[in-house]
Amino acid sequence: MHLNPFRRERPAPVDRIAPTFRDANPENPSTPLSEPASWLIDAMAGGVSQAGQRVGQQTAMRNATVFRCVALKAGVIAALPLDVYKATPTGRERLVNHRLAPLLASQPNDLMSAFNWKELIIANLMLAGNHYSVIEYDQAARVIGLLPVMPQQMRPYRMNGRNWYDVTLLDGTSETYDQADVIHVPGVGFDGVRGISPIEWAGRQPIGTAMAMEEFVGRMHANSMRPSGWMELPKGIKPEGVNRLRAELQDLYAGVGATGKTLLVDAGNKWNPMQMTLLDAQTLEGRHYQVADICRLFGVPSHLVGEAGGATQWGSGIEQLTIGFQKYNVDPDLTRIESELNRKLFTYPIYCEFNRDALNAMDSKAQSELFASAIQNAGMTPNEIRRKRNLPDQPGGDELFIQGATVPLSMAGKVTPAPAPPKDPAAPAPNSEPTK
């Protein structure tokens, strides 16, 4: 078995792998500020979009829609329990005492909780297209930690039929280690080795356009004069008259309390109200479109980020969109993570799996209907349901129940005779005389 070079008898990985490039020394001679490394440029600033904005994996998060899409999906998946199971001939058994169960359920490393680790996995997938976690071993070659590494610090490649990974360390050097020593969750890609970054390949232009529109609107309000109208004055009016008219308008019509008042002007003066221009209307419409385009990039329904568009806010339309998000977006990423963890950490029949039922935990109506159907159709016992709700078992709750009204089609409309009562051995036989 290949042993990880990052072993606990050596300095711990947390002391040698930067969890983020923020901790790197900008005065490192190996990376001068005049010619920074390409991965540092891509991570901190990114390439220039056609709108003139630099869009990278980090700068994209300055856009409100991108931030909400990433935070929403990462939070939903991070909140799902990740449990360890053992497949049995009759189903499966949850292994709460398995040695790796605490790593996946509570604390995968010394730096973060399981929620933060799972949240980071999805954020890396959505922005960089890859997530990497170094598998940390003790001196007995047992897994004791999963330490995440910035995607920009990792260079995967395939050689001699195996995947290898070069990790850039804090001191600017790199170390290479085998595929058995790293959890690599790739997104969609071309070569089967690494995923492609959604930001760099498809998101740079829509996100850059959205950021340019935000900058345009902000500068317009900060620097531009946007009056509500203008007044035409007669020729020959003196500066004293202009000042008097300005003072009267300010005293009589300025402020919220004067909203809706009729404007009275002197003879020869003409007031011209200023309406919204076509440029303003197109800017507002364009900002709505950019929200939808960014949501399309990440597969997140726009109503989940506060942009309902033409969809109704109530009824089955929004509900079905949310269900589709869970089925076509969340579930594939759950399977993607499970497959990599099971491949590197477990051997069948032991495996890990996200608890997808937790997606319905906040929908009390849907969960109640699910549990009621499970009990009525012998799908679950009452105690199994009580355990899911963190309630104690009850006597008799380990039996399966089923509705008694269900009968074969051939018996429809017929009365089933009641079973005969059991015979009493001490009772006299029929047509026999009693014993004297």
Protein backbone atom coordinates (compact mmCIF):
# COMPACT_ATOMS: atom_id res chain seq x y z
CA MET A 1 0.00 0.00 0.00
CA HIS A 2 1.29 3.46 -0.90
CA LEU A 3 1.89 5.57 2.20
CA ASN A 4 1.15 9.27 2.17
CA PRO A 5 4.25 11.47 2.40
CA PHE A 6 2.19 13.67 4.72
CA ARG A 7 2.41 11.32 7.68
CA ARG A 8 1.93 12.30 11.29
CA GLU A 9 5.53 11.34 12.19
CA ARG A 10 6.48 14.25 9.91
CA PRO A 11 5.17 17.81 10.45
CA ALA A 12 1.39 17.75 10.21
CA PRO A 13 -0.10 18.75 6.84
CA VAL A 14 -1.80 21.70 8.48
CA ASP A 15 1.66 23.12 9.23
CA ARG A 16 2.90 22.67 5.66
CA ILE A 17 -0.10 23.17 3.36
CA ALA A 18 -1.64 26.61 3.16
CA PRO A 19 -5.42 26.33 3.64
CA THR A 20 -5.69 29.54 1.59
CA PHE A 21 -3.34 31.65 -0.48
CA ARG A 22 -3.99 34.57 1.89
CA ASP A 23 -1.40 33.06 4.26
CA ALA A 24 1.33 33.04 1.61
CA ASN A 25 4.10 35.61 1.94
CA PRO A 26 3.73 38.15 -0.92
CA GLU A 27 7.47 38.93 -0.58
CA ASN A 28 8.48 35.36 -1.38
CA PRO A 29 11.45 35.74 -3.80
CA SER A 30 10.22 32.76 -5.82
CA THR A 31 7.06 34.71 -6.72
CA PRO A 32 7.87 38.41 -7.26
CA LEU A 33 4.97 40.85 -7.30
CA SER A 34 6.06 42.09 -10.72
CA GLU A 35 5.49 38.60 -12.18
CA PRO A 36 3.06 36.74 -9.91
CA ALA A 37 2.28 33.09 -10.50
CA SER A 38 -0.55 32.38 -12.91
CA TRP A 39 -2.56 30.46 -10.31
CA LEU A 40 -2.38 33.45 -7.97
CA ILE A 41 -3.68 35.80 -10.71
CA ASP A 42 -6.51 33.44 -11.60
CA ALA A 43 -7.51 33.00 -7.96
CA MET A 44 -7.39 36.62 -6.87
CA ALA A 45 -8.36 38.56 -9.99
CA GLY A 46 -9.10 36.30 -12.95
CA GLY A 47 -9.17 37.11 -16.64
CA VAL A 48 -10.70 40.20 -18.18
CA SER A 49 -14.23 39.85 -19.53
CA GLN A 50 -15.47 41.60 -22.66
CA ALA A 51 -17.21 44.12 -20.39
CA GLY A 52 -13.82 45.10 -18.97
CA GLN A 53 -14.25 43.48 -15.56
CA ARG A 54 -11.77 40.99 -14.13
CA VAL A 55 -13.66 37.82 -13.24
CA GLY A 56 -11.97 35.00 -11.33
CA GLN A 57 -12.96 32.35 -8.86
CA GLN A 58 -12.72 34.83 -6.00
CA THR A 59 -13.73 38.12 -7.60
CA ALA A 60 -16.90 36.49 -8.96
CA MET A 61 -18.16 36.20 -5.39
CA ARG A 62 -18.45 40.00 -5.25
CA ASN A 63 -21.54 39.67 -7.42
CA ALA A 64 -24.65 39.25 -5.27
CA THR A 65 -26.21 36.58 -7.51
CA VAL A 66 -23.03 34.49 -7.63
CA PHE A 67 -22.59 34.77 -3.87
CA ARG A 68 -26.18 33.72 -3.20
CA CYS A 69 -26.07 30.78 -5.64
CA VAL A 70 -22.88 29.42 -4.10
CA ALA A 71 -23.94 30.04 -0.49
CA LEU A 72 -27.40 28.54 -1.10
CA LYS A 73 -26.33 25.29 -2.75
CA ALA A 74 -23.29 24.81 -0.51
CA GLY A 75 -25.39 25.39 2.59
CA VAL A 76 -28.13 22.98 1.51
CA ILE A 77 -25.66 20.15 0.87
CA ALA A 78 -23.53 20.89 3.94
CA ALA A 79 -26.63 20.60 6.14
CA LEU A 80 -27.31 17.01 5.00
CA PRO A 81 -25.98 14.33 7.37
CA LEU A 82 -23.24 12.11 5.91
CA ASP A 83 -23.48 8.71 7.60
CA VAL A 84 -21.60 5.41 7.37
CA TYR A 85 -23.55 2.21 6.61
CA LYS A 86 -23.00 -1.52 6.18
CA ALA A 87 -24.96 -3.39 3.53
CA THR A 88 -26.70 -6.50 4.89
CA PRO A 89 -28.79 -9.25 3.22
CA THR A 90 -31.92 -7.64 4.65
CA GLY A 91 -31.06 -3.99 3.97
CA ARG A 92 -28.40 -1.92 5.67
CA GLU A 93 -27.17 -1.00 9.14
CA ARG A 94 -25.98 2.42 10.23
CA LEU A 95 -22.52 2.23 11.79
CA VAL A 96 -22.46 5.00 14.36
CA ASN A 97 -19.32 3.52 15.98
CA HIS A 98 -17.29 3.20 12.79
CA ARG A 99 -13.85 4.79 13.09
CA LEU A 100 -14.45 7.21 10.19
CA ALA A 101 -18.01 8.16 11.18
CA PRO A 102 -16.89 11.08 13.42
CA LEU A 103 -14.74 12.50 10.60
CA LEU A 104 -17.68 12.69 8.21
CA ALA A 105 -20.32 13.64 10.76
CA SER A 106 -18.48 16.03 13.05
CA GLN A 107 -14.86 17.02 12.41
CA PRO A 108 -12.85 15.93 9.33
CA ASN A 109 -9.70 17.77 10.50
CA ASP A 110 -8.36 20.01 13.24
CA LEU A 111 -9.35 23.21 11.44
CA MET A 112 -13.06 22.97 10.70
CA SER A 113 -16.35 21.24 11.31
CA ALA A 114 -17.94 18.76 8.94
CA PHE A 115 -20.43 21.44 7.85
CA ASN A 116 -17.63 23.82 6.82
CA TRP A 117 -15.78 21.03 5.03
CA LYS A 118 -18.82 19.95 3.00
CA GLU A 119 -19.65 23.59 2.28
CA LEU A 120 -16.10 24.11 0.99
CA ILE A 121 -16.38 21.06 -1.29
CA ILE A 122 -19.42 22.53 -3.09
CA ALA A 123 -17.95 26.04 -3.24
CA ASN A 124 -14.78 24.63 -4.85
CA LEU A 125 -16.86 22.65 -7.36
CA MET A 126 -19.03 25.62 -8.31
CA LEU A 127 -16.14 28.07 -8.70
CA ALA A 128 -13.03 26.03 -9.55
CA GLY A 129 -14.56 22.77 -10.82
CA ASN A 130 -12.48 20.62 -8.43
CA HIS A 131 -12.11 19.89 -4.74
CA TYR A 132 -9.02 18.35 -3.14
CA SER A 133 -8.55 17.06 0.40
CA VAL A 134 -5.32 15.41 1.55
CA ILE A 135 -5.91 12.14 3.42
CA GLU A 136 -4.06 12.37 6.71
CA TYR A 137 -2.71 9.16 8.33
CA ASP A 138 -1.34 8.26 11.72
CA GLN A 139 1.78 6.14 12.23
CA ALA A 140 -0.28 2.97 11.82
CA ALA A 141 -1.44 4.11 8.35
CA ARG A 142 -4.98 4.71 9.60
CA VAL A 143 -7.02 7.63 8.24
CA ILE A 144 -7.33 10.32 10.90
CA GLY A 145 -8.12 13.45 8.91
CA LEU A 146 -9.16 15.04 5.62
CA LEU A 147 -7.41 18.36 5.03
CA PRO A 148 -8.74 20.56 2.19
CA VAL A 149 -6.30 22.20 -0.22
CA MET A 150 -6.95 25.19 -2.43
CA PRO A 151 -7.60 24.02 -6.02
CA GLN A 152 -5.03 26.53 -7.27
CA GLN A 153 -2.34 24.80 -5.19
CA MET A 154 -2.95 21.39 -6.77
CA ARG A 155 -1.81 20.16 -10.18
CA PRO A 156 -3.23 16.74 -11.10
CA TYR A 157 -1.90 14.67 -13.98
CA ARG A 158 -1.90 11.04 -15.15
CA MET A 159 1.27 8.99 -15.49
CA ASN A 160 1.89 5.23 -15.74
CA GLY A 161 -1.77 4.42 -15.34
CA ARG A 162 -2.28 6.38 -12.10
CA ASN A 163 -3.25 9.90 -11.13
CA TRP A 164 -0.61 11.99 -9.38
CA TYR A 165 -0.87 15.34 -7.62
CA ASP A 166 1.69 18.10 -7.16
CA VAL A 167 0.93 20.29 -4.14
CA THR A 168 2.50 23.73 -3.78
CA LEU A 169 3.65 24.23 -0.18
CA LEU A 170 4.04 27.39 1.88
CA ASP A 171 7.73 27.75 1.11
CA GLY A 172 7.14 27.67 -2.64
CA THR A 173 8.29 24.08 -3.09
CA SER A 174 6.03 21.21 -4.17
CA GLU A 175 5.56 17.56 -3.31
CA THR A 176 4.04 14.80 -5.38
CA TYR A 177 1.84 12.04 -4.02
CA ASP A 178 -0.33 9.23 -5.25
CA GLN A 179 -4.07 9.16 -6.00
CA ALA A 180 -4.64 6.94 -2.96
CA ASP A 181 -3.64 9.82 -0.68
CA VAL A 182 -6.05 12.51 -1.84
CA ILE A 183 -9.80 12.95 -2.07
CA HIS A 184 -10.37 14.52 -5.49
CA VAL A 185 -13.96 15.42 -6.38
CA PRO A 186 -13.89 16.66 -10.00
CA GLY A 187 -16.68 18.45 -11.80
CA VAL A 188 -17.45 18.23 -15.51
CA GLY A 189 -14.25 17.93 -17.53
CA PHE A 190 -12.64 16.80 -20.75
CA ASP A 191 -9.96 14.26 -19.77
CA GLY A 192 -11.26 12.41 -16.72
CA VAL A 193 -8.42 13.78 -14.61
CA ARG A 194 -9.67 17.20 -13.56
CA GLY A 195 -12.83 19.25 -13.92
CA ILE A 196 -13.08 22.59 -15.66
CA SER A 197 -13.86 25.81 -13.85
CA PRO A 198 -17.43 27.02 -14.52
CA ILE A 199 -16.25 30.59 -13.93
CA GLU A 200 -13.40 30.47 -16.43
CA TRP A 201 -15.16 28.46 -19.14
CA ALA A 202 -18.75 29.72 -19.11
CA GLY A 203 -19.22 32.33 -16.39
CA ARG A 204 -16.66 35.03 -17.15
CA GLN A 205 -18.80 36.93 -19.67
CA PRO A 206 -22.23 36.89 -17.91
CA ILE A 207 -20.68 37.64 -14.53
CA GLY A 208 -18.45 40.36 -16.01
CA THR A 209 -21.45 41.97 -17.71
CA ALA A 210 -23.42 41.92 -14.46
CA MET A 211 -20.53 43.49 -12.56
CA ALA A 212 -20.15 46.18 -15.25
CA MET A 213 -23.87 47.03 -14.99
CA GLU A 214 -23.59 47.29 -11.22
CA GLU A 215 -20.62 49.63 -11.55
CA PHE A 216 -22.47 51.71 -14.16
CA VAL A 217 -25.54 52.15 -11.94
CA GLY A 218 -23.41 52.92 -8.90
CA ARG A 219 -21.34 55.56 -10.68
CA MET A 220 -24.47 57.06 -12.21
CA HIS A 221 -26.00 57.64 -8.78
CA ALA A 222 -22.72 58.79 -7.26
CA ASN A 223 -21.53 61.19 -9.94
CA SER A 224 -24.37 61.99 -12.32
CA MET A 225 -27.03 64.68 -11.97
CA ARG A 226 -30.45 63.05 -12.34
CA PRO A 227 -33.08 65.84 -11.88
CA SER A 228 -36.81 65.09 -11.95
CA GLY A 229 -37.33 67.75 -14.64
CA TRP A 230 -36.23 71.13 -15.94
CA MET A 231 -37.78 74.60 -16.14
CA GLU A 232 -37.67 76.92 -19.12
CA LEU A 233 -37.29 80.56 -18.08
CA PRO A 234 -38.25 83.60 -20.18
CA LYS A 235 -35.52 85.61 -21.83
CA GLY A 236 -34.18 88.57 -19.98
CA ILE A 237 -34.73 87.25 -16.45
CA LYS A 238 -32.15 88.57 -14.03
CA PRO A 239 -30.01 86.48 -11.70
CA GLU A 240 -32.00 87.81 -8.75
CA GLY A 241 -35.17 86.38 -10.28
CA VAL A 242 -33.54 83.00 -10.86
CA ASN A 243 -32.39 82.83 -7.24
CA ARG A 244 -35.85 83.83 -5.98
CA LEU A 245 -37.53 81.15 -8.10
CA ARG A 246 -35.05 78.52 -6.91
CA ALA A 247 -35.68 79.43 -3.27
CA GLU A 248 -39.46 79.26 -3.73
CA LEU A 249 -39.26 75.84 -5.38
CA GLN A 250 -37.02 74.56 -2.62
CA ASP A 251 -39.29 75.84 0.16
CA LEU A 252 -42.63 74.78 -1.35
CA TYR A 253 -41.94 71.59 -3.26
CA ALA A 254 -38.82 69.90 -1.85
CA GLY A 255 -39.09 66.94 0.51
CA VAL A 256 -41.27 63.87 0.88
CA GLY A 257 -44.15 65.88 2.36
CA ALA A 258 -44.50 67.88 -0.85
CA THR A 259 -44.89 64.81 -3.05
CA GLY A 260 -47.84 65.20 -5.43
CA LYS A 261 -48.26 68.96 -5.03
CA THR A 262 -49.18 71.01 -8.08
CA LEU A 263 -46.33 73.17 -9.29
CA LEU A 264 -47.24 76.86 -9.74
CA VAL A 265 -44.89 78.98 -11.84
CA ASP A 266 -44.81 82.58 -13.01
CA ALA A 267 -46.02 83.63 -16.44
CA GLY A 268 -43.49 82.72 -19.10
CA ASN A 269 -42.00 79.84 -17.13
CA LYS A 270 -42.53 76.26 -18.31
CA TRP A 271 -41.92 73.05 -16.30
CA ASN A 272 -40.85 69.92 -18.22
CA PRO A 273 -40.97 66.64 -16.25
CA MET A 274 -38.22 64.12 -16.97
CA GLN A 275 -39.33 60.52 -17.47
CA MET A 276 -37.27 57.33 -17.38
CA THR A 277 -35.17 57.09 -20.51
CA LEU A 278 -34.96 54.05 -22.75
CA LEU A 279 -31.38 53.56 -21.55
CA ASP A 280 -32.60 53.36 -17.94
CA ALA A 281 -35.30 50.86 -18.87
CA GLN A 282 -32.84 48.69 -20.81
CA THR A 283 -30.38 48.77 -17.93
CA LEU A 284 -33.03 47.50 -15.49
CA GLU A 285 -34.15 44.81 -17.92
CA GLY A 286 -30.55 43.81 -18.57
CA ARG A 287 -29.83 43.41 -14.85
CA HIS A 288 -32.82 41.06 -14.54
CA TYR A 289 -31.52 39.01 -17.47
CA GLN A 290 -28.03 38.77 -15.97
CA VAL A 291 -29.47 37.36 -12.74
CA ALA A 292 -31.24 34.64 -14.76
CA ASP A 293 -28.09 33.97 -16.80
CA ILE A 294 -25.92 33.51 -13.71
CA CYS A 295 -28.55 31.25 -12.13
CA ARG A 296 -28.52 29.23 -15.37
CA LEU A 297 -24.75 28.85 -15.04
CA PHE A 298 -25.04 27.25 -11.60
CA GLY A 299 -28.35 25.45 -12.17
CA VAL A 300 -30.06 27.31 -9.32
CA PRO A 301 -33.69 28.39 -9.89
CA SER A 302 -33.85 32.17 -9.95
CA HIS A 303 -36.68 32.32 -7.43
CA LEU A 304 -34.30 30.92 -4.79
CA VAL A 305 -32.12 34.02 -5.15
CA GLY A 306 -35.06 36.44 -5.01
CA GLU A 307 -35.72 36.81 -8.75
CA ALA A 308 -39.13 35.30 -9.49
CA GLY A 309 -39.44 36.78 -12.99
CA GLY A 310 -42.69 35.75 -14.66
CA ALA A 311 -43.22 32.73 -12.40
CA THR A 312 -45.90 32.79 -9.75
CA GLN A 313 -44.75 33.18 -6.18
CA TRP A 314 -47.31 30.64 -4.96
CA GLY A 315 -48.62 27.22 -5.90
CA SER A 316 -47.14 24.18 -7.52
CA GLY A 317 -44.99 26.11 -10.02
CA ILE A 318 -42.40 27.22 -7.47
CA GLU A 319 -42.67 23.90 -5.63
CA GLN A 320 -41.88 21.90 -8.76
CA LEU A 321 -38.94 24.17 -9.58
CA THR A 322 -37.52 23.51 -6.13
CA ILE A 323 -38.02 19.75 -6.49
CA GLY A 324 -36.31 19.89 -9.88
CA PHE A 325 -33.36 21.73 -8.29
CA GLN A 326 -33.00 18.98 -5.71
CA LYS A 327 -33.34 16.18 -8.29
CA TYR A 328 -31.26 17.52 -11.18
CA ASN A 329 -28.68 19.70 -9.40
CA VAL A 330 -28.22 18.72 -5.75
CA ASP A 331 -28.50 14.94 -6.10
CA PRO A 332 -25.80 14.56 -8.82
CA ASP A 333 -23.30 16.44 -6.66
CA LEU A 334 -24.20 14.29 -3.66
CA THR A 335 -23.50 11.18 -5.73
CA ARG A 336 -20.27 12.73 -7.03
CA ILE A 337 -18.98 13.24 -3.49
CA GLU A 338 -20.18 9.86 -2.23
CA SER A 339 -18.48 8.01 -5.09
CA GLU A 340 -15.09 9.54 -4.36
CA LEU A 341 -15.31 9.03 -0.60
CA ASN A 342 -16.40 5.41 -0.98
CA ARG A 343 -13.63 4.75 -3.52
CA LYS A 344 -10.86 6.12 -1.30
CA LEU A 345 -12.00 5.49 2.28
CA PHE A 346 -14.24 2.41 2.38
CA THR A 347 -14.47 -1.15 1.11
CA TYR A 348 -17.85 -2.67 0.32
CA PRO A 349 -20.08 -3.60 2.14
CA ILE A 350 -19.07 -0.52 4.18
CA TYR A 351 -19.99 2.77 2.51
CA CYS A 352 -21.07 6.34 3.25
CA GLU A 353 -24.16 8.13 2.00
CA PHE A 354 -25.89 11.48 2.43
CA ASN A 355 -29.26 11.40 4.15
CA ARG A 356 -31.45 12.78 1.37
CA ASP A 357 -34.56 12.54 3.54
CA ALA A 358 -33.21 15.54 5.45
CA LEU A 359 -34.20 17.72 2.47
CA ASN A 360 -37.81 17.31 3.59
CA ALA A 361 -37.06 17.94 7.25
CA MET A 362 -38.28 21.56 7.07
CA ASP A 363 -41.43 20.65 5.12
CA SER A 364 -43.60 19.27 7.93
CA LYS A 365 -46.56 18.57 5.64
CA ALA A 366 -44.57 16.53 3.13
CA GLN A 367 -42.71 14.68 5.88
CA SER A 368 -45.92 13.82 7.74
CA GLU A 369 -47.51 12.47 4.56
CA LEU A 370 -44.39 10.40 3.84
CA PHE A 371 -44.31 8.89 7.32
CA ALA A 372 -48.07 8.19 7.33
CA SER A 373 -47.80 6.37 4.00
CA ALA A 374 -44.79 4.39 5.24
CA ILE A 375 -46.67 3.16 8.30
CA GLN A 376 -49.92 2.35 6.49
CA ASN A 377 -48.11 0.34 3.79
CA ALA A 378 -45.67 -1.55 6.05
CA GLY A 379 -42.74 0.51 4.80
CA MET A 380 -41.44 1.56 8.21
CA THR A 381 -42.21 0.78 11.82
CA PRO A 382 -43.42 3.52 14.17
CA ASN A 383 -40.19 3.31 16.16
CA GLU A 384 -38.08 3.81 13.02
CA ILE A 385 -39.96 7.03 12.37
CA ARG A 386 -39.64 8.12 16.00
CA ARG A 387 -35.88 7.65 15.81
CA LYS A 388 -35.73 9.95 12.78
CA ARG A 389 -37.48 12.59 14.90
CA ASN A 390 -35.14 11.97 17.86
CA LEU A 391 -37.96 10.50 19.95
CA PRO A 392 -37.64 7.43 22.23
CA ASP A 393 -38.99 4.05 21.19
CA GLN A 394 -42.41 2.95 22.35
CA PRO A 395 -43.55 -0.59 23.30
CA GLY A 396 -45.02 -2.39 20.31
CA GLY A 397 -43.53 0.13 17.91
CA ASP A 398 -41.21 -2.34 16.18
CA GLU A 399 -44.03 -4.12 14.30
CA LEU A 400 -45.04 -3.37 10.73
CA PHE A 401 -48.63 -2.27 10.10
CA ILE A 402 -50.80 -2.32 6.99
CA GLN A 403 -54.32 -1.19 6.24
CA GLY A 404 -56.78 -4.10 6.55
CA ALA A 405 -59.14 -2.86 3.83
CA THR A 406 -56.85 -4.03 1.03
CA VAL A 407 -58.16 -7.35 -0.44
CA PRO A 408 -57.55 -9.30 -3.67
CA LEU A 409 -59.62 -8.22 -6.67
CA SER A 410 -61.44 -11.59 -6.75
CA MET A 411 -62.77 -10.90 -3.25
CA ALA A 412 -64.16 -7.45 -4.08
CA GLY A 413 -67.76 -7.12 -2.85
CA LYS A 414 -67.73 -10.44 -0.97
CA VAL A 415 -68.03 -10.90 2.76
CA THR A 416 -65.18 -12.82 4.26
CA PRO A 417 -66.50 -15.29 6.90
CA ALA A 418 -65.10 -14.76 10.32
CA PRO A 419 -62.68 -17.48 11.46
CA ALA A 420 -64.13 -20.11 13.81
CA PRO A 421 -63.12 -19.74 17.43
CA PRO A 422 -60.59 -22.26 18.71
CA LYS A 423 -62.03 -25.41 20.29
CA ASP A 424 -61.89 -25.92 24.03
CA PRO A 425 -60.44 -29.37 24.80
CA ALA A 426 -62.66 -29.67 27.91
CA ALA A 427 -65.85 -28.90 26.01
CA PRO A 428 -68.22 -31.93 25.32
CA ALA A 429 -68.46 -33.24 21.78
CA PRO A 430 -71.58 -32.39 19.78
CA ASN A 431 -74.66 -34.65 20.26
CA SER A 432 -73.06 -36.31 23.31
CA GLU A 433 -74.71 -36.69 26.67
CA PRO A 434 -73.18 -34.98 29.64
CA THR A 435 -71.18 -37.16 31.99
CA LYS A 436 -72.99 -38.10 35.23
